[in-house]
């Protein structure tokens, strides 16, 4: 399960990297550590809309109470795959309520990526965040309807 420590570690790792080239290379390295998705998992249901590059997010929800939402993801572009890894570090392995409560804008600002991403990549990053937050909101809504 992801923790606040995971986010703190991510921020700390980026804080040691002084220039954008080093951060850029670190983002690419993070992406290389993602497990690839199967061809079957790369479909229209898992594809993130709003990304210029191809991005897929596969969601799994545990049977725990409260349920834990876990994500796996992939992209066809190296830098975007790294951005997927960052988004997963922020959100995956948390409850729906925790996901809804996370201030992703603040976390991403602390990583210092925003000023160096193209508008298209920035839009894609925000589309990934929006997708995961929407999934969490839908899960919370369905849980309140059942209770």
C-alpha atoms as a PDB file:
ATOM      1  CA  UNK A   1       0.000   0.000   0.000  1.00  0.00           C
ATOM      2  CA  UNK A   2       1.302   3.431  -0.894  1.00  0.00           C
ATOM      3  CA  UNK A   3       1.981   5.830   1.919  1.00  0.00           C
ATOM      4  CA  UNK A   4       2.691   9.466   2.590  1.00  0.00           C
ATOM      5  CA  UNK A   5       6.308   8.339   2.857  1.00  0.00           C
ATOM      6  CA  UNK A   6       6.228   7.279  -0.803  1.00  0.00           C
ATOM      7  CA  UNK A   7       5.223  10.815  -1.787  1.00  0.00           C
ATOM      8  CA  UNK A   8       7.810  12.336   0.566  1.00  0.00           C
ATOM      9  CA  UNK A   9      10.510  10.069  -0.910  1.00  0.00           C
ATOM     10  CA  UNK A  10       9.507  11.085  -4.423  1.00  0.00           C
ATOM     11  CA  UNK A  11       9.701  14.793  -3.509  1.00  0.00           C
ATOM     12  CA  UNK A  12      13.053  14.257  -1.747  1.00  0.00           C
ATOM     13  CA  UNK A  13      14.489  12.423  -4.769  1.00  0.00           C
ATOM     14  CA  UNK A  14      13.543  15.319  -7.052  1.00  0.00           C
ATOM     15  CA  UNK A  15      14.850  17.939  -4.606  1.00  0.00           C
ATOM     16  CA  UNK A  16      18.373  16.491  -4.954  1.00  0.00           C
ATOM     17  CA  UNK A  17      18.275  16.986  -8.719  1.00  0.00           C
ATOM     18  CA  UNK A  18      19.329  20.544  -9.455  1.00  0.00           C
ATOM     19  CA  UNK A  19      18.810  20.891 -13.171  1.00  0.00           C
ATOM     20  CA  UNK A  20      16.004  19.895 -15.493  1.00  0.00           C
ATOM     21  CA  UNK A  21      18.144  17.436 -17.469  1.00  0.00           C
ATOM     22  CA  UNK A  22      18.732  15.386 -14.306  1.00  0.00           C
ATOM     23  CA  UNK A  23      15.026  15.510 -13.424  1.00  0.00           C
ATOM     24  CA  UNK A  24      14.099  14.553 -16.974  1.00  0.00           C
ATOM     25  CA  UNK A  25      16.417  11.523 -16.831  1.00  0.00           C
ATOM     26  CA  UNK A  26      14.999  10.569 -13.414  1.00  0.00           C
ATOM     27  CA  UNK A  27      11.441  10.691 -14.810  1.00  0.00           C
ATOM     28  CA  UNK A  28      12.504   8.372 -17.650  1.00  0.00           C
ATOM     29  CA  UNK A  29      14.170   5.989 -15.165  1.00  0.00           C
ATOM     30  CA  UNK A  30      10.980   5.856 -13.076  1.00  0.00           C
ATOM     31  CA  UNK A  31       9.067   4.863 -16.203  1.00  0.00           C
ATOM     32  CA  UNK A  32      11.519   2.071 -16.988  1.00  0.00           C
ATOM     33  CA  UNK A  33      10.650   0.483 -13.629  1.00  0.00           C
ATOM     34  CA  UNK A  34       6.969   0.046 -14.520  1.00  0.00           C
ATOM     35  CA  UNK A  35       5.847  -3.469 -15.336  1.00  0.00           C
ATOM     36  CA  UNK A  36       4.486  -3.573 -18.888  1.00  0.00           C
ATOM     37  CA  UNK A  37       0.778  -4.072 -19.468  1.00  0.00           C
ATOM     38  CA  UNK A  38      -0.420  -6.952 -21.607  1.00  0.00           C
ATOM     39  CA  UNK A  39      -1.826  -6.222 -25.071  1.00  0.00           C
ATOM     40  CA  UNK A  40      -5.286  -7.121 -23.733  1.00  0.00           C
ATOM     41  CA  UNK A  41      -4.944  -4.459 -21.022  1.00  0.00           C
ATOM     42  CA  UNK A  42      -4.172  -1.810 -23.652  1.00  0.00           C
ATOM     43  CA  UNK A  43      -7.730  -1.124 -24.739  1.00  0.00           C
ATOM     44  CA  UNK A  44     -10.229   1.719 -25.062  1.00  0.00           C
ATOM     45  CA  UNK A  45     -11.511   1.180 -21.503  1.00  0.00           C
ATOM     46  CA  UNK A  46      -8.077   1.619 -19.938  1.00  0.00           C
ATOM     47  CA  UNK A  47      -6.857   4.317 -22.318  1.00  0.00           C
ATOM     48  CA  UNK A  48      -6.656   7.787 -20.764  1.00  0.00           C
ATOM     49  CA  UNK A  49      -8.402  10.392 -22.864  1.00  0.00           C
ATOM     50  CA  UNK A  50      -6.749  13.790 -23.084  1.00  0.00           C
ATOM     51  CA  UNK A  51      -3.212  12.505 -23.502  1.00  0.00           C
ATOM     52  CA  UNK A  52      -1.374  13.098 -26.772  1.00  0.00           C
ATOM     53  CA  UNK A  53       0.723   9.981 -26.173  1.00  0.00           C
ATOM     54  CA  UNK A  54      -0.944   6.641 -25.631  1.00  0.00           C
ATOM     55  CA  UNK A  55      -1.534   6.122 -21.878  1.00  0.00           C
ATOM     56  CA  UNK A  56      -3.316   3.224 -20.230  1.00  0.00           C
ATOM     57  CA  UNK A  57      -4.294   2.889 -16.565  1.00  0.00           C
ATOM     58  CA  UNK A  58      -5.549  -0.437 -15.225  1.00  0.00           C
ATOM     59  CA  UNK A  59      -7.478  -0.200 -11.967  1.00  0.00           C
ATOM     60  CA  UNK A  60      -7.879  -2.948  -9.393  1.00  0.00           C
ATOM     61  CA  UNK A  61     -10.077  -2.571  -6.305  1.00  0.00           C
ATOM     62  CA  UNK A  62      -9.568  -4.798  -3.273  1.00  0.00           C
ATOM     63  CA  UNK A  63     -12.356  -6.462  -1.311  1.00  0.00           C
ATOM     64  CA  UNK A  64     -11.132  -4.753   1.864  1.00  0.00           C
ATOM     65  CA  UNK A  65     -13.263  -2.313   3.823  1.00  0.00           C
ATOM     66  CA  UNK A  66     -12.490   0.363   2.926  1.00  0.00           C
ATOM     67  CA  UNK A  67     -11.401  -0.828  -0.498  1.00  0.00           C
ATOM     68  CA  UNK A  68      -7.858  -0.149  -1.686  1.00  0.00           C
ATOM     69  CA  UNK A  69      -7.485   1.139  -5.241  1.00  0.00           C
ATOM     70  CA  UNK A  70      -4.372  -0.047  -7.027  1.00  0.00           C
ATOM     71  CA  UNK A  71      -3.243   1.069 -10.464  1.00  0.00           C
ATOM     72  CA  UNK A  72      -0.853  -0.191 -13.059  1.00  0.00           C
ATOM     73  CA  UNK A  73      -0.038   1.883 -16.103  1.00  0.00           C
ATOM     74  CA  UNK A  74       1.964   2.240 -19.265  1.00  0.00           C
ATOM     75  CA  UNK A  75       2.625   4.620 -22.139  1.00  0.00           C
ATOM     76  CA  UNK A  76       4.192   4.468 -25.570  1.00  0.00           C
ATOM     77  CA  UNK A  77       6.447   7.483 -24.807  1.00  0.00           C
ATOM     78  CA  UNK A  78       9.409   7.347 -22.393  1.00  0.00           C
ATOM     79  CA  UNK A  79       8.854  10.649 -20.597  1.00  0.00           C
ATOM     80  CA  UNK A  80       5.109  10.052 -20.345  1.00  0.00           C
ATOM     81  CA  UNK A  81       5.725   6.570 -18.976  1.00  0.00           C
ATOM     82  CA  UNK A  82       7.775   8.270 -16.253  1.00  0.00           C
ATOM     83  CA  UNK A  83       4.887  10.634 -15.564  1.00  0.00           C
ATOM     84  CA  UNK A  84       2.625   7.572 -15.256  1.00  0.00           C
ATOM     85  CA  UNK A  85       5.050   6.179 -12.659  1.00  0.00           C
ATOM     86  CA  UNK A  86       4.861   9.448 -10.699  1.00  0.00           C
ATOM     87  CA  UNK A  87       1.061   9.454 -10.775  1.00  0.00           C
ATOM     88  CA  UNK A  88       1.000   5.837  -9.592  1.00  0.00           C
ATOM     89  CA  UNK A  89       3.397   6.662  -6.732  1.00  0.00           C
ATOM     90  CA  UNK A  90       1.031   9.431  -5.638  1.00  0.00           C
ATOM     91  CA  UNK A  91      -2.273   7.551  -5.901  1.00  0.00           C
ATOM     92  CA  UNK A  92      -1.946   3.768  -6.178  1.00  0.00           C
ATOM     93  CA  UNK A  93      -2.503   1.641  -3.091  1.00  0.00           C
ATOM     94  CA  UNK A  94      -4.816   4.074  -1.331  1.00  0.00           C
ATOM     95  CA  UNK A  95      -8.471   4.188  -0.371  1.00  0.00           C
ATOM     96  CA  UNK A  96     -10.887   6.095  -2.581  1.00  0.00           C
ATOM     97  CA  UNK A  97     -11.282   8.744   0.121  1.00  0.00           C
ATOM     98  CA  UNK A  98      -7.516   9.202   0.407  1.00  0.00           C
ATOM     99  CA  UNK A  99      -7.265   9.579  -3.379  1.00  0.00           C
ATOM    100  CA  UNK A 100     -10.007  12.202  -3.444  1.00  0.00           C
ATOM    101  CA  UNK A 101      -8.289  14.090  -0.586  1.00  0.00           C
ATOM    102  CA  UNK A 102      -4.805  14.184  -2.176  1.00  0.00           C
ATOM    103  CA  UNK A 103      -3.726  17.612  -3.428  1.00  0.00           C
ATOM    104  CA  UNK A 104      -1.952  16.408  -6.553  1.00  0.00           C
ATOM    105  CA  UNK A 105      -1.354  19.947  -7.822  1.00  0.00           C
ATOM    106  CA  UNK A 106       0.686  20.752  -4.727  1.00  0.00           C
ATOM    107  CA  UNK A 107       2.673  17.518  -4.926  1.00  0.00           C
ATOM    108  CA  UNK A 108       3.433  17.977  -8.622  1.00  0.00           C
ATOM    109  CA  UNK A 109       4.484  21.588  -7.950  1.00  0.00           C
ATOM    110  CA  UNK A 110       6.962  20.342  -5.313  1.00  0.00           C
ATOM    111  CA  UNK A 111       8.479  18.040  -7.948  1.00  0.00           C
ATOM    112  CA  UNK A 112       9.171  21.075 -10.129  1.00  0.00           C
ATOM    113  CA  UNK A 113       7.885  19.479 -13.306  1.00  0.00           C
ATOM    114  CA  UNK A 114       5.170  21.903 -14.369  1.00  0.00           C
ATOM    115  CA  UNK A 115       7.433  24.615 -15.703  1.00  0.00           C
ATOM    116  CA  UNK A 116       9.355  22.131 -17.846  1.00  0.00           C
ATOM    117  CA  UNK A 117       6.547  20.084 -19.381  1.00  0.00           C
ATOM    118  CA  UNK A 118       5.076  20.970 -22.744  1.00  0.00           C
ATOM    119  CA  UNK A 119       1.412  22.019 -22.583  1.00  0.00           C
ATOM    120  CA  UNK A 120       0.459  18.687 -24.187  1.00  0.00           C
ATOM    121  CA  UNK A 121       2.344  16.652 -21.561  1.00  0.00           C
ATOM    122  CA  UNK A 122       0.964  18.829 -18.793  1.00  0.00           C
ATOM    123  CA  UNK A 123      -2.568  18.274 -20.096  1.00  0.00           C
ATOM    124  CA  UNK A 124      -1.901  14.529 -20.240  1.00  0.00           C
ATOM    125  CA  UNK A 125      -0.601  14.516 -16.679  1.00  0.00           C
ATOM    126  CA  UNK A 126      -3.723  16.336 -15.505  1.00  0.00           C
ATOM    127  CA  UNK A 127      -5.893  13.885 -17.499  1.00  0.00           C
ATOM    128  CA  UNK A 128      -4.293  10.961 -15.621  1.00  0.00           C
ATOM    129  CA  UNK A 129      -4.901  12.650 -12.262  1.00  0.00           C
ATOM    130  CA  UNK A 130      -8.493  13.495 -13.222  1.00  0.00           C
ATOM    131  CA  UNK A 131      -9.142   9.907 -14.333  1.00  0.00           C
ATOM    132  CA  UNK A 132      -7.924   8.421 -11.046  1.00  0.00           C
ATOM    133  CA  UNK A 133      -9.822  10.978  -8.962  1.00  0.00           C
ATOM    134  CA  UNK A 134     -12.986  10.298 -11.000  1.00  0.00           C
ATOM    135  CA  UNK A 135     -12.550   6.540 -10.432  1.00  0.00           C
ATOM    136  CA  UNK A 136     -12.212   7.191  -6.690  1.00  0.00           C
ATOM    137  CA  UNK A 137     -15.256   9.459  -6.616  1.00  0.00           C
ATOM    138  CA  UNK A 138     -17.317   6.852  -8.465  1.00  0.00           C
ATOM    139  CA  UNK A 139     -16.220   4.164  -6.016  1.00  0.00           C
ATOM    140  CA  UNK A 140     -17.137   6.373  -3.051  1.00  0.00           C
ATOM    141  CA  UNK A 141     -20.520   7.112  -4.617  1.00  0.00           C
ATOM    142  CA  UNK A 142     -21.213   3.422  -5.258  1.00  0.00           C
ATOM    143  CA  UNK A 143     -20.233   2.572  -1.665  1.00  0.00           C
ATOM    144  CA  UNK A 144     -22.624   5.148  -0.240  1.00  0.00           C
ATOM    145  CA  UNK A 145     -25.407   3.824  -2.496  1.00  0.00           C
ATOM    146  CA  UNK A 146     -24.863   0.300  -1.151  1.00  0.00           C
ATOM    147  CA  UNK A 147     -24.602   1.290   2.522  1.00  0.00           C
END
